[in-house]
Amino acid sequence: MDRNCKKDFISDSGSLAEGYRGKLNLRENLCFPKNYGKWFLTKVKKAIIDYKMIENGDRIAVGISGGKDSSALLFILDVLRKYSPFRFDMVAVSVDLGWNMDYAPLQKYCDEIQMPFEIVKTKIGPLVFDVRKEPNPCSLCSKMRRGALDNAAVKLGCNKVALAHHADDIMETLFLNLIFTGRFATFEPKTFLSRKNLTLIRPLIYLDERTIKTIANAKNLPVIANPCPASGTTRRSDIKVLLDSMENIYPKARFNILAAMKRKNFFIES
């Protein structure tokens, strides 16, 4: 066997098999690069175990926007699909906001990994910016985009929707709520939507943004420029700057913030 491949997916501590012992046998004759575990896979597996995100028989709609985060999510879940002890189906779903984006790079990548790819056409972008002229457009756009993604997942026969929020997103949302709404709150790693019978999962919550950038670059994942007029000028962008400045003074700031949140286990749906 190739020395750069690891055949035993469930041999390392914190593996899926430890979380769901006895469900399925390891798929035979498959291997993946050894560095995947330390690089990103161990943390993703731990998140999936801690919150029981993926189970045998799931059909997961993976929300992909063309950004590095969602492309990395698709890549990682594809690795899990091929090498984990679970048998689950996936379909990639993009919500077109009406900005005339070129989805060819995403389509090409999905074809390469044999992943179904659906594009949901909407006019959310023009509605938010041109019709309603929202002064703070992100909240409304996010809710409408999520609604379109959830509806598409139901139509595609999915029982779960995977979102690409990572550890930095968790901390940024915490500070956004703290500073602008006076609440200690952030989104949950796993949320059940009873009205649609869907479960939202966020498998990347233990990965930081720096790691996701290295994955996207190293694997040459498709990344499409964000055409949103508000890109880079939002409150979330300001919070990123705030956290960066904290980390410049206290290098372990982000690490300790996330560690404190884990210990208190106070994830709250925002």
Protein backbone atom coordinates (compact mmCIF):
# COMPACT_ATOMS: atom_id res chain seq x y z
CA MET A 1 0.00 0.00 0.00
CA ASP A 2 1.18 3.58 -0.68
CA ARG A 3 3.17 4.84 2.30
CA ASN A 4 1.39 8.17 1.99
CA CYS A 5 -2.00 6.56 2.54
CA LYS A 6 -3.67 5.45 5.74
CA LYS A 7 -6.07 2.55 5.29
CA ASP A 8 -7.47 2.38 8.81
CA PHE A 9 -9.80 5.37 9.07
CA ILE A 10 -10.96 4.38 12.53
CA SER A 11 -7.61 3.70 14.16
CA ASP A 12 -6.93 7.15 15.59
CA SER A 13 -8.48 8.41 18.82
CA GLY A 14 -11.66 10.44 18.55
CA SER A 15 -12.75 8.61 15.40
CA LEU A 16 -16.26 8.17 14.13
CA ALA A 17 -16.24 4.54 15.19
CA GLU A 18 -15.67 5.49 18.84
CA GLY A 19 -18.69 7.77 18.74
CA TYR A 20 -20.96 5.19 17.10
CA ARG A 21 -19.28 1.90 17.97
CA GLY A 22 -20.52 -1.13 16.07
CA LYS A 23 -22.62 0.58 13.41
CA LEU A 24 -20.74 -0.38 10.29
CA ASN A 25 -17.53 -2.06 9.28
CA LEU A 26 -14.77 -0.03 7.68
CA ARG A 27 -14.92 0.06 3.92
CA GLU A 28 -12.16 -2.10 2.55
CA ASN A 29 -9.35 -1.35 0.11
CA LEU A 30 -9.51 2.41 0.51
CA CYS A 31 -6.84 4.79 1.76
CA PHE A 32 -6.32 8.48 2.33
CA PRO A 33 -3.21 10.63 2.90
CA LYS A 34 -1.74 10.26 6.39
CA ASN A 35 -1.55 13.98 7.03
CA TYR A 36 -5.32 14.44 6.72
CA GLY A 37 -5.86 13.39 10.34
CA LYS A 38 -3.58 15.93 12.01
CA TRP A 39 -4.33 18.55 9.38
CA PHE A 40 -8.13 18.60 9.63
CA LEU A 41 -9.88 15.23 9.77
CA THR A 42 -9.49 14.47 13.48
CA LYS A 43 -11.17 17.74 14.47
CA VAL A 44 -13.98 17.26 11.96
CA LYS A 45 -14.59 13.72 13.18
CA LYS A 46 -14.66 14.93 16.78
CA ALA A 47 -17.28 17.57 15.95
CA ILE A 48 -19.40 14.96 14.18
CA ILE A 49 -19.12 12.62 17.18
CA ASP A 50 -19.70 15.28 19.84
CA TYR A 51 -22.98 16.36 18.24
CA LYS A 52 -23.95 13.16 16.38
CA MET A 53 -24.13 15.06 13.10
CA ILE A 54 -23.96 12.21 10.58
CA GLU A 55 -25.62 8.80 10.70
CA ASN A 56 -25.95 5.84 8.42
CA GLY A 57 -28.53 6.46 5.69
CA ASP A 58 -28.41 10.26 5.79
CA ARG A 59 -28.88 12.27 2.61
CA ILE A 60 -27.09 15.57 3.06
CA ALA A 61 -27.50 18.77 1.06
CA VAL A 62 -24.15 20.58 1.20
CA GLY A 63 -24.56 24.32 0.82
CA ILE A 64 -21.82 25.68 -1.44
CA SER A 65 -21.49 29.36 -2.31
CA GLY A 66 -18.24 29.35 -4.26
CA GLY A 67 -16.26 30.56 -1.25
CA LYS A 68 -13.28 28.75 0.23
CA ASP A 69 -15.20 27.61 3.33
CA SER A 70 -17.99 25.79 1.52
CA SER A 71 -15.62 24.30 -1.06
CA ALA A 72 -13.48 22.95 1.79
CA LEU A 73 -16.63 21.55 3.44
CA LEU A 74 -17.57 19.74 0.24
CA PHE A 75 -14.04 18.32 -0.09
CA ILE A 76 -13.93 17.12 3.54
CA LEU A 77 -17.39 15.54 3.47
CA ASP A 78 -16.44 13.79 0.23
CA VAL A 79 -13.42 12.32 2.04
CA LEU A 80 -15.73 11.16 4.83
CA ARG A 81 -18.19 9.76 2.32
CA LYS A 82 -15.46 7.66 0.73
CA TYR A 83 -13.50 6.54 3.78
CA SER A 84 -15.74 6.67 6.85
CA PRO A 85 -17.68 3.70 8.27
CA PHE A 86 -20.92 5.49 7.41
CA ARG A 87 -22.83 5.23 4.18
CA PHE A 88 -24.50 8.52 3.41
CA ASP A 89 -25.44 10.35 0.23
CA MET A 90 -24.66 13.95 -0.62
CA VAL A 91 -25.78 16.56 -3.10
CA ALA A 92 -24.12 19.95 -3.53
CA VAL A 93 -26.53 22.89 -3.63
CA SER A 94 -25.82 26.51 -4.58
CA VAL A 95 -28.34 29.30 -4.11
CA ASP A 96 -27.92 31.76 -6.98
CA LEU A 97 -28.70 35.23 -5.59
CA GLY A 98 -29.22 36.77 -9.01
CA TRP A 99 -25.71 38.18 -9.53
CA ASN A 100 -25.03 36.19 -12.72
CA MET A 101 -22.23 34.17 -11.15
CA ASP A 102 -20.30 31.65 -13.23
CA TYR A 103 -20.75 28.28 -11.54
CA ALA A 104 -18.63 26.39 -14.09
CA PRO A 105 -15.70 25.84 -11.65
CA LEU A 106 -18.05 24.31 -9.06
CA GLN A 107 -19.77 22.17 -11.68
CA LYS A 108 -16.39 20.92 -12.93
CA TYR A 109 -15.24 20.00 -9.42
CA CYS A 110 -18.52 18.23 -8.61
CA ASP A 111 -18.22 16.25 -11.85
CA GLU A 112 -14.68 15.25 -10.88
CA ILE A 113 -15.76 13.85 -7.50
CA GLN A 114 -19.01 12.42 -8.92
CA MET A 115 -21.23 14.65 -6.84
CA PRO A 116 -24.70 15.78 -7.97
CA PHE A 117 -24.88 19.58 -8.18
CA GLU A 118 -28.03 21.69 -8.05
CA ILE A 119 -28.30 25.45 -8.61
CA VAL A 120 -31.33 27.20 -7.10
CA LYS A 121 -32.16 30.37 -9.04
CA THR A 122 -33.40 33.33 -6.97
CA LYS A 123 -33.52 37.14 -7.07
CA ILE A 124 -32.51 37.57 -3.43
CA GLY A 125 -29.61 39.91 -4.21
CA PRO A 126 -31.54 42.50 -6.27
CA LEU A 127 -34.48 42.28 -3.84
CA VAL A 128 -32.35 43.03 -0.80
CA PHE A 129 -30.13 45.70 -2.35
CA ASP A 130 -32.18 47.31 -5.12
CA VAL A 131 -35.82 46.91 -4.06
CA ARG A 132 -35.69 47.06 -0.27
CA LYS A 133 -32.38 48.94 -0.11
CA GLU A 134 -31.57 47.38 3.24
CA PRO A 135 -29.07 49.47 5.28
CA ASN A 136 -27.85 46.26 6.98
CA PRO A 137 -28.50 43.65 4.28
CA CYS A 138 -26.63 40.64 5.67
CA SER A 139 -29.26 39.40 8.13
CA LEU A 140 -32.16 39.43 5.64
CA CYS A 141 -30.03 38.01 2.83
CA SER A 142 -28.79 35.21 5.07
CA LYS A 143 -32.30 34.26 6.18
CA MET A 144 -33.66 34.25 2.63
CA ARG A 145 -30.67 32.31 1.32
CA ARG A 146 -31.01 29.74 4.09
CA GLY A 147 -34.73 29.41 3.38
CA ALA A 148 -34.05 28.75 -0.31
CA LEU A 149 -31.37 26.18 0.59
CA ASP A 150 -33.63 24.40 3.08
CA ASN A 151 -36.52 24.26 0.61
CA ALA A 152 -34.21 22.83 -2.05
CA ALA A 153 -32.96 20.20 0.41
CA VAL A 154 -36.52 19.07 1.12
CA LYS A 155 -37.29 18.83 -2.61
CA LEU A 156 -34.12 16.80 -3.15
CA GLY A 157 -35.14 14.30 -0.47
CA CYS A 158 -32.46 15.32 2.03
CA ASN A 159 -32.84 15.00 5.78
CA LYS A 160 -29.81 17.15 6.64
CA VAL A 161 -28.19 20.36 5.44
CA ALA A 162 -24.46 20.89 5.97
CA LEU A 163 -23.23 24.47 6.41
CA ALA A 164 -19.61 25.62 6.29
CA HIS A 165 -19.44 27.71 9.47
CA HIS A 166 -16.10 27.23 11.22
CA ALA A 167 -14.55 28.12 14.59
CA ASP A 168 -13.87 31.74 13.64
CA ASP A 169 -17.51 32.14 12.54
CA ILE A 170 -18.65 30.91 15.96
CA MET A 171 -16.49 33.47 17.76
CA GLU A 172 -17.43 36.30 15.39
CA THR A 173 -21.14 35.57 15.89
CA LEU A 174 -20.61 35.53 19.66
CA PHE A 175 -19.01 38.99 19.58
CA LEU A 176 -21.60 40.32 17.13
CA ASN A 177 -24.39 39.31 19.49
CA LEU A 178 -22.50 40.55 22.54
CA ILE A 179 -21.69 43.99 21.12
CA PHE A 180 -24.78 44.72 19.02
CA THR A 181 -27.59 42.88 20.84
CA GLY A 182 -26.29 42.44 24.40
CA ARG A 183 -26.57 38.64 24.30
CA PHE A 184 -24.07 35.88 24.99
CA ALA A 185 -25.16 33.76 22.03
CA THR A 186 -23.93 32.04 18.91
CA PHE A 187 -25.30 29.42 16.52
CA GLU A 188 -25.61 25.75 17.40
CA PRO A 189 -23.43 23.02 15.85
CA LYS A 190 -26.63 21.06 15.13
CA THR A 191 -30.18 22.35 14.86
CA PHE A 192 -33.43 20.54 14.08
CA LEU A 193 -35.99 22.43 12.01
CA SER A 194 -39.28 20.81 12.99
CA ARG A 195 -41.38 22.59 10.36
CA LYS A 196 -39.26 21.19 7.54
CA ASN A 197 -38.08 18.01 9.25
CA LEU A 198 -34.49 18.99 8.48
CA THR A 199 -31.37 18.96 10.62
CA LEU A 200 -28.70 21.63 10.08
CA ILE A 201 -25.16 20.48 10.78
CA ARG A 202 -21.89 22.41 10.92
CA PRO A 203 -19.04 19.86 10.73
CA LEU A 204 -16.27 22.49 10.55
CA ILE A 205 -16.91 24.12 13.94
CA TYR A 206 -13.57 22.90 15.38
CA LEU A 207 -11.51 24.07 12.39
CA ASP A 208 -10.13 27.60 12.25
CA GLU A 209 -10.22 29.74 9.14
CA ARG A 210 -6.46 29.52 8.63
CA THR A 211 -6.67 25.74 8.32
CA ILE A 212 -9.53 25.99 5.86
CA LYS A 213 -7.49 28.39 3.73
CA THR A 214 -4.60 25.93 3.61
CA ILE A 215 -6.97 23.13 2.52
CA ALA A 216 -8.49 25.25 -0.24
CA ASN A 217 -5.06 26.29 -1.50
CA ALA A 218 -3.36 22.90 -1.22
CA LYS A 219 -6.21 21.05 -2.91
CA ASN A 220 -6.78 23.77 -5.51
CA LEU A 221 -10.46 23.88 -4.63
CA PRO A 222 -12.79 26.05 -6.73
CA VAL A 223 -13.23 29.54 -5.31
CA ILE A 224 -15.45 32.10 -7.04
CA ALA A 225 -15.12 35.83 -6.34
CA ASN A 226 -17.91 37.15 -4.12
CA PRO A 227 -20.01 39.65 -6.14
CA CYS A 228 -21.95 40.93 -3.12
CA PRO A 229 -21.82 44.76 -2.89
CA ALA A 230 -21.47 44.52 0.91
CA SER A 231 -18.51 42.12 0.82
CA GLY A 232 -15.76 43.27 3.17
CA THR A 233 -17.75 46.18 4.60
CA THR A 234 -19.99 44.40 7.11
CA ARG A 235 -20.11 44.33 10.90
CA ARG A 236 -18.67 40.82 10.73
CA SER A 237 -15.64 42.23 8.92
CA ASP A 238 -15.22 44.71 11.77
CA ILE A 239 -15.35 41.88 14.31
CA LYS A 240 -12.65 40.01 12.37
CA VAL A 241 -10.42 43.07 12.76
CA LEU A 242 -11.25 43.23 16.48
CA LEU A 243 -10.34 39.57 17.02
CA ASP A 244 -7.16 40.00 14.98
CA SER A 245 -6.12 42.93 17.18
CA MET A 246 -6.82 40.87 20.32
CA GLU A 247 -4.73 38.02 18.95
CA ASN A 248 -1.87 40.40 18.16
CA ILE A 249 -1.72 41.30 21.86
CA TYR A 250 -2.69 37.87 23.23
CA PRO A 251 -1.63 35.17 20.72
CA LYS A 252 -3.91 32.54 22.28
CA ALA A 253 -7.00 34.77 22.35
CA ARG A 254 -9.01 32.88 19.70
CA PHE A 255 -7.95 29.48 21.06
CA ASN A 256 -8.98 30.37 24.62
CA ILE A 257 -12.29 31.94 23.57
CA LEU A 258 -13.27 28.76 21.74
CA ALA A 259 -12.02 26.58 24.61
CA ALA A 260 -14.16 28.54 27.08
CA MET A 261 -17.21 28.12 24.86
CA LYS A 262 -16.63 24.38 24.66
CA ARG A 263 -16.28 24.04 28.42
CA LYS A 264 -19.48 25.97 29.09
CA ASN A 265 -21.26 24.29 26.16
CA PHE A 266 -23.44 27.38 25.75
CA PHE A 267 -24.14 27.17 22.04
CA ILE A 268 -27.42 29.00 21.52
CA GLU A 269 -29.28 29.44 18.27
CA SER A 270 -28.94 33.07 17.22
